[in-house]
N, C-alpha and C. Protein backbone atom coordinates (compact mmCIF):
# COMPACT_ATOMS: atom_id res chain seq x y z
N UNK A 1 18.86 28.38 37.68
CA UNK A 1 18.21 27.71 36.46
C UNK A 1 16.91 27.39 36.62
N UNK A 2 15.99 27.50 35.71
CA UNK A 2 14.36 27.07 36.15
C UNK A 2 14.34 25.63 35.67
N UNK A 3 13.24 25.21 36.33
CA UNK A 3 12.80 23.71 36.09
C UNK A 3 12.13 23.70 34.62
N UNK A 4 12.50 22.47 33.85
CA UNK A 4 11.93 22.47 32.59
C UNK A 4 10.99 21.25 32.66
N UNK A 5 9.69 21.33 32.24
CA UNK A 5 9.01 20.33 32.04
C UNK A 5 9.35 19.51 30.90
N UNK A 6 9.46 18.07 31.00
CA UNK A 6 9.58 17.24 29.81
C UNK A 6 8.70 16.21 29.58
N UNK A 7 8.57 15.92 28.34
CA UNK A 7 7.22 14.93 27.95
C UNK A 7 7.87 14.08 27.11
N UNK A 8 7.41 12.84 27.12
CA UNK A 8 7.74 11.48 26.08
C UNK A 8 6.61 11.63 25.01
N UNK A 9 7.06 11.99 23.68
CA UNK A 9 6.38 12.37 22.29
C UNK A 9 6.60 10.90 21.60
N UNK A 10 5.88 10.61 20.67
CA UNK A 10 5.92 9.51 19.50
C UNK A 10 5.65 9.86 18.34
N UNK A 11 5.89 9.14 17.17
CA UNK A 11 5.85 9.27 15.85
C UNK A 11 5.06 7.90 15.44
N UNK A 12 4.44 7.29 16.38
CA UNK A 12 3.85 5.96 16.10
C UNK A 12 2.78 6.19 14.73
N UNK A 13 1.96 7.11 14.87
CA UNK A 13 0.96 7.36 13.69
C UNK A 13 1.43 7.33 12.54
N UNK A 14 2.61 8.23 12.39
CA UNK A 14 3.39 8.71 11.18
C UNK A 14 3.65 7.52 10.77
N UNK A 15 4.76 6.78 11.66
CA UNK A 15 5.49 5.19 11.28
C UNK A 15 4.32 4.31 10.85
N UNK A 16 3.45 4.38 11.39
CA UNK A 16 2.36 3.30 11.05
C UNK A 16 1.82 3.64 9.69
N UNK A 17 1.52 4.97 9.27
CA UNK A 17 1.02 5.21 8.00
C UNK A 17 2.06 5.06 6.92
N UNK A 18 3.24 5.30 7.29
CA UNK A 18 4.31 5.12 6.20
C UNK A 18 4.16 3.41 5.83
N UNK A 19 4.16 2.68 6.76
CA UNK A 19 3.87 1.30 6.83
C UNK A 19 2.80 0.60 6.33
N UNK A 20 2.02 1.26 6.07
CA UNK A 20 0.49 0.99 5.64
C UNK A 20 -0.09 0.14 6.78
N UNK A 21 -0.08 0.40 8.06
CA UNK A 21 -0.08 -0.54 9.18
C UNK A 21 -1.38 0.02 10.02
N UNK A 22 -2.42 -0.71 10.31
CA UNK A 22 -3.41 0.00 11.11
C UNK A 22 -2.86 -0.33 12.73
N UNK A 23 -3.95 0.42 13.48
CA UNK A 23 -3.62 0.37 14.72
C UNK A 23 -3.71 -1.24 15.21
N UNK A 24 -4.76 -1.71 14.73
CA UNK A 24 -4.98 -2.99 14.99
C UNK A 24 -3.79 -3.91 14.64
N UNK A 25 -3.03 -3.83 13.62
CA UNK A 25 -2.12 -4.67 12.75
C UNK A 25 -0.74 -4.26 14.03
N UNK A 26 -0.75 -3.09 14.43
CA UNK A 26 0.82 -2.62 15.17
C UNK A 26 0.32 -3.16 16.59
N UNK A 27 -1.01 -3.29 17.10
CA UNK A 27 -1.26 -4.09 18.42
C UNK A 27 -0.70 -5.51 18.21
N UNK A 28 -1.49 -6.04 17.24
CA UNK A 28 -0.89 -7.48 17.21
C UNK A 28 0.28 -7.76 17.04
N UNK A 29 1.13 -7.26 16.43
CA UNK A 29 2.39 -7.33 16.40
C UNK A 29 3.27 -7.17 17.81
N UNK A 30 2.71 -5.99 18.48
CA UNK A 30 3.43 -5.62 19.91
C UNK A 30 2.94 -6.36 20.80
N UNK A 31 1.74 -7.14 20.80
CA UNK A 31 1.15 -8.02 21.79
C UNK A 31 0.48 -7.16 22.59
N UNK A 32 -0.37 -6.12 22.31
CA UNK A 32 -1.25 -5.42 23.05
C UNK A 32 -2.41 -5.09 22.43
N UNK A 33 -3.38 -4.46 23.05
CA UNK A 33 -4.79 -4.02 22.69
C UNK A 33 -4.67 -2.88 21.75
N UNK A 34 -5.72 -2.82 20.77
CA UNK A 34 -5.79 -1.65 20.15
C UNK A 34 -5.84 -0.14 20.85
N UNK A 35 -6.57 -0.40 21.91
CA UNK A 35 -6.77 0.78 22.57
C UNK A 35 -5.57 1.41 23.41
N UNK A 36 -4.47 0.23 23.64
CA UNK A 36 -3.36 0.69 24.31
C UNK A 36 -2.64 1.27 23.14
N UNK A 37 -2.60 1.24 21.97
CA UNK A 37 -1.94 1.88 20.92
C UNK A 37 -2.55 2.96 20.57
N UNK A 38 -4.06 3.17 20.90
CA UNK A 38 -4.65 4.49 20.52
C UNK A 38 -4.13 5.41 21.82
N UNK A 39 -4.05 4.82 23.15
CA UNK A 39 -3.74 5.92 24.02
C UNK A 39 -2.40 6.29 24.08
N UNK A 40 -1.37 5.41 23.64
CA UNK A 40 0.01 5.80 23.56
C UNK A 40 0.21 6.91 22.31
N UNK A 41 -0.45 6.52 21.31
CA UNK A 41 -0.50 7.84 20.20
C UNK A 41 -0.98 9.15 20.85
N UNK A 42 -2.01 9.11 21.32
CA UNK A 42 -2.70 10.31 21.99
C UNK A 42 -1.87 10.82 23.22
N UNK A 43 -0.78 10.28 23.56
CA UNK A 43 -0.01 10.56 24.71
C UNK A 43 -0.92 10.65 26.07
N UNK A 44 -1.77 9.77 26.40
CA UNK A 44 -2.63 9.35 27.27
C UNK A 44 -1.92 8.33 28.24
N UNK A 45 -1.08 7.58 27.61
CA UNK A 45 -0.45 6.48 28.31
C UNK A 45 1.07 6.46 28.01
N UNK A 46 1.96 6.33 29.02
CA UNK A 46 3.18 6.06 28.49
C UNK A 46 3.59 4.72 28.92
N UNK A 47 3.90 4.04 27.66
CA UNK A 47 4.57 2.65 27.53
C UNK A 47 5.54 2.28 28.53
N UNK A 48 5.83 1.17 29.08
CA UNK A 48 6.93 0.60 29.47
C UNK A 48 8.09 0.58 28.64
N UNK A 49 9.14 0.24 29.07
CA UNK A 49 10.44 0.44 28.11
C UNK A 49 10.28 -0.72 27.37
N UNK A 50 9.87 -2.05 27.73
CA UNK A 50 9.85 -3.10 27.18
C UNK A 50 8.87 -2.97 25.89
N UNK A 51 7.83 -2.27 26.28
CA UNK A 51 6.61 -2.30 25.13
C UNK A 51 6.85 -1.29 24.08
N UNK A 52 7.97 -0.32 24.55
CA UNK A 52 8.32 0.89 23.57
C UNK A 52 9.41 0.01 22.58
N UNK A 53 9.89 -0.96 23.15
CA UNK A 53 10.97 -1.65 22.20
C UNK A 53 10.11 -2.61 21.48
N UNK A 54 8.92 -3.04 21.85
CA UNK A 54 8.20 -4.03 21.25
C UNK A 54 7.40 -3.07 19.97
N UNK A 55 7.27 -1.92 20.21
CA UNK A 55 6.29 -1.15 19.23
C UNK A 55 7.38 -0.68 18.18
N UNK A 56 8.55 -0.38 18.53
CA UNK A 56 9.75 0.02 17.66
C UNK A 56 10.15 -0.98 16.71
N UNK A 57 10.09 -2.14 17.30
CA UNK A 57 10.31 -3.40 16.60
C UNK A 57 9.42 -4.02 15.45
N UNK A 58 8.04 -3.69 16.05
CA UNK A 58 7.02 -3.94 15.29
C UNK A 58 6.81 -3.12 13.94
N UNK A 59 7.47 -1.90 14.27
CA UNK A 59 7.27 -0.93 13.30
C UNK A 59 8.85 -0.77 12.14
N UNK A 60 9.54 -1.82 12.58
CA UNK A 60 10.88 -1.69 11.96
C UNK A 60 11.65 -0.55 12.08
N UNK A 61 11.73 0.26 13.22
CA UNK A 61 12.33 1.41 13.45
C UNK A 61 13.02 1.19 14.93
N UNK A 62 14.14 2.13 14.97
CA UNK A 62 14.91 2.21 16.09
C UNK A 62 14.07 3.01 17.05
N UNK A 63 14.11 2.62 18.38
CA UNK A 63 13.23 3.31 19.41
C UNK A 63 13.35 4.84 19.33
N UNK A 64 14.36 5.38 19.15
CA UNK A 64 14.67 7.03 18.96
C UNK A 64 13.87 7.46 17.86
N UNK A 65 13.77 6.41 16.99
CA UNK A 65 12.83 6.98 15.55
C UNK A 65 11.39 7.01 15.90
N UNK A 66 10.97 6.30 16.93
CA UNK A 66 9.56 6.18 17.58
C UNK A 66 9.52 7.23 18.77
N UNK A 67 10.18 7.20 19.61
CA UNK A 67 9.80 7.78 20.77
C UNK A 67 11.08 8.98 21.27
N UNK A 68 10.49 10.18 21.54
CA UNK A 68 11.56 11.00 21.79
C UNK A 68 11.05 11.79 23.20
N UNK A 69 12.05 12.33 23.94
CA UNK A 69 11.73 12.99 25.12
C UNK A 69 12.19 14.48 25.18
N UNK A 70 11.12 15.29 25.05
CA UNK A 70 11.43 16.73 24.68
C UNK A 70 11.00 17.63 25.99
N UNK A 71 11.35 18.72 25.72
CA UNK A 71 10.89 19.82 26.46
C UNK A 71 9.52 20.08 26.07
N UNK A 72 8.64 20.59 27.13
CA UNK A 72 7.13 21.01 26.79
C UNK A 72 7.23 21.91 25.75
N UNK A 73 8.30 22.77 25.60
CA UNK A 73 8.21 23.93 24.49
C UNK A 73 8.40 23.11 23.05
N UNK A 74 8.80 22.21 23.02
CA UNK A 74 9.16 21.10 21.88
C UNK A 74 10.31 20.95 21.49
N UNK A 75 11.34 21.44 22.30
CA UNK A 75 12.97 21.23 21.98
C UNK A 75 13.41 19.73 22.39
N UNK A 76 14.35 19.38 21.86
CA UNK A 76 14.92 17.95 22.07
C UNK A 76 15.79 18.38 23.35
N UNK A 77 15.69 17.24 24.05
CA UNK A 77 16.86 17.44 25.25
C UNK A 77 17.68 16.02 25.35
């Protein structure tokens, strides 16, 4: 069996848009800076588990609706 690379992806921007929430609004609700939200949305920063739950809560969503752990080829795992 070959090694598969996995990546944490997120739907923060989509869910924010659906909620008519700005990055600043989400950052304030989650207790972080706007730059942190930008970095997470752009997959440049992986949030702690606690922060991931804070973001999901701020978006009014389940954590599995916000974050997914997928194979690099895009398939769910």
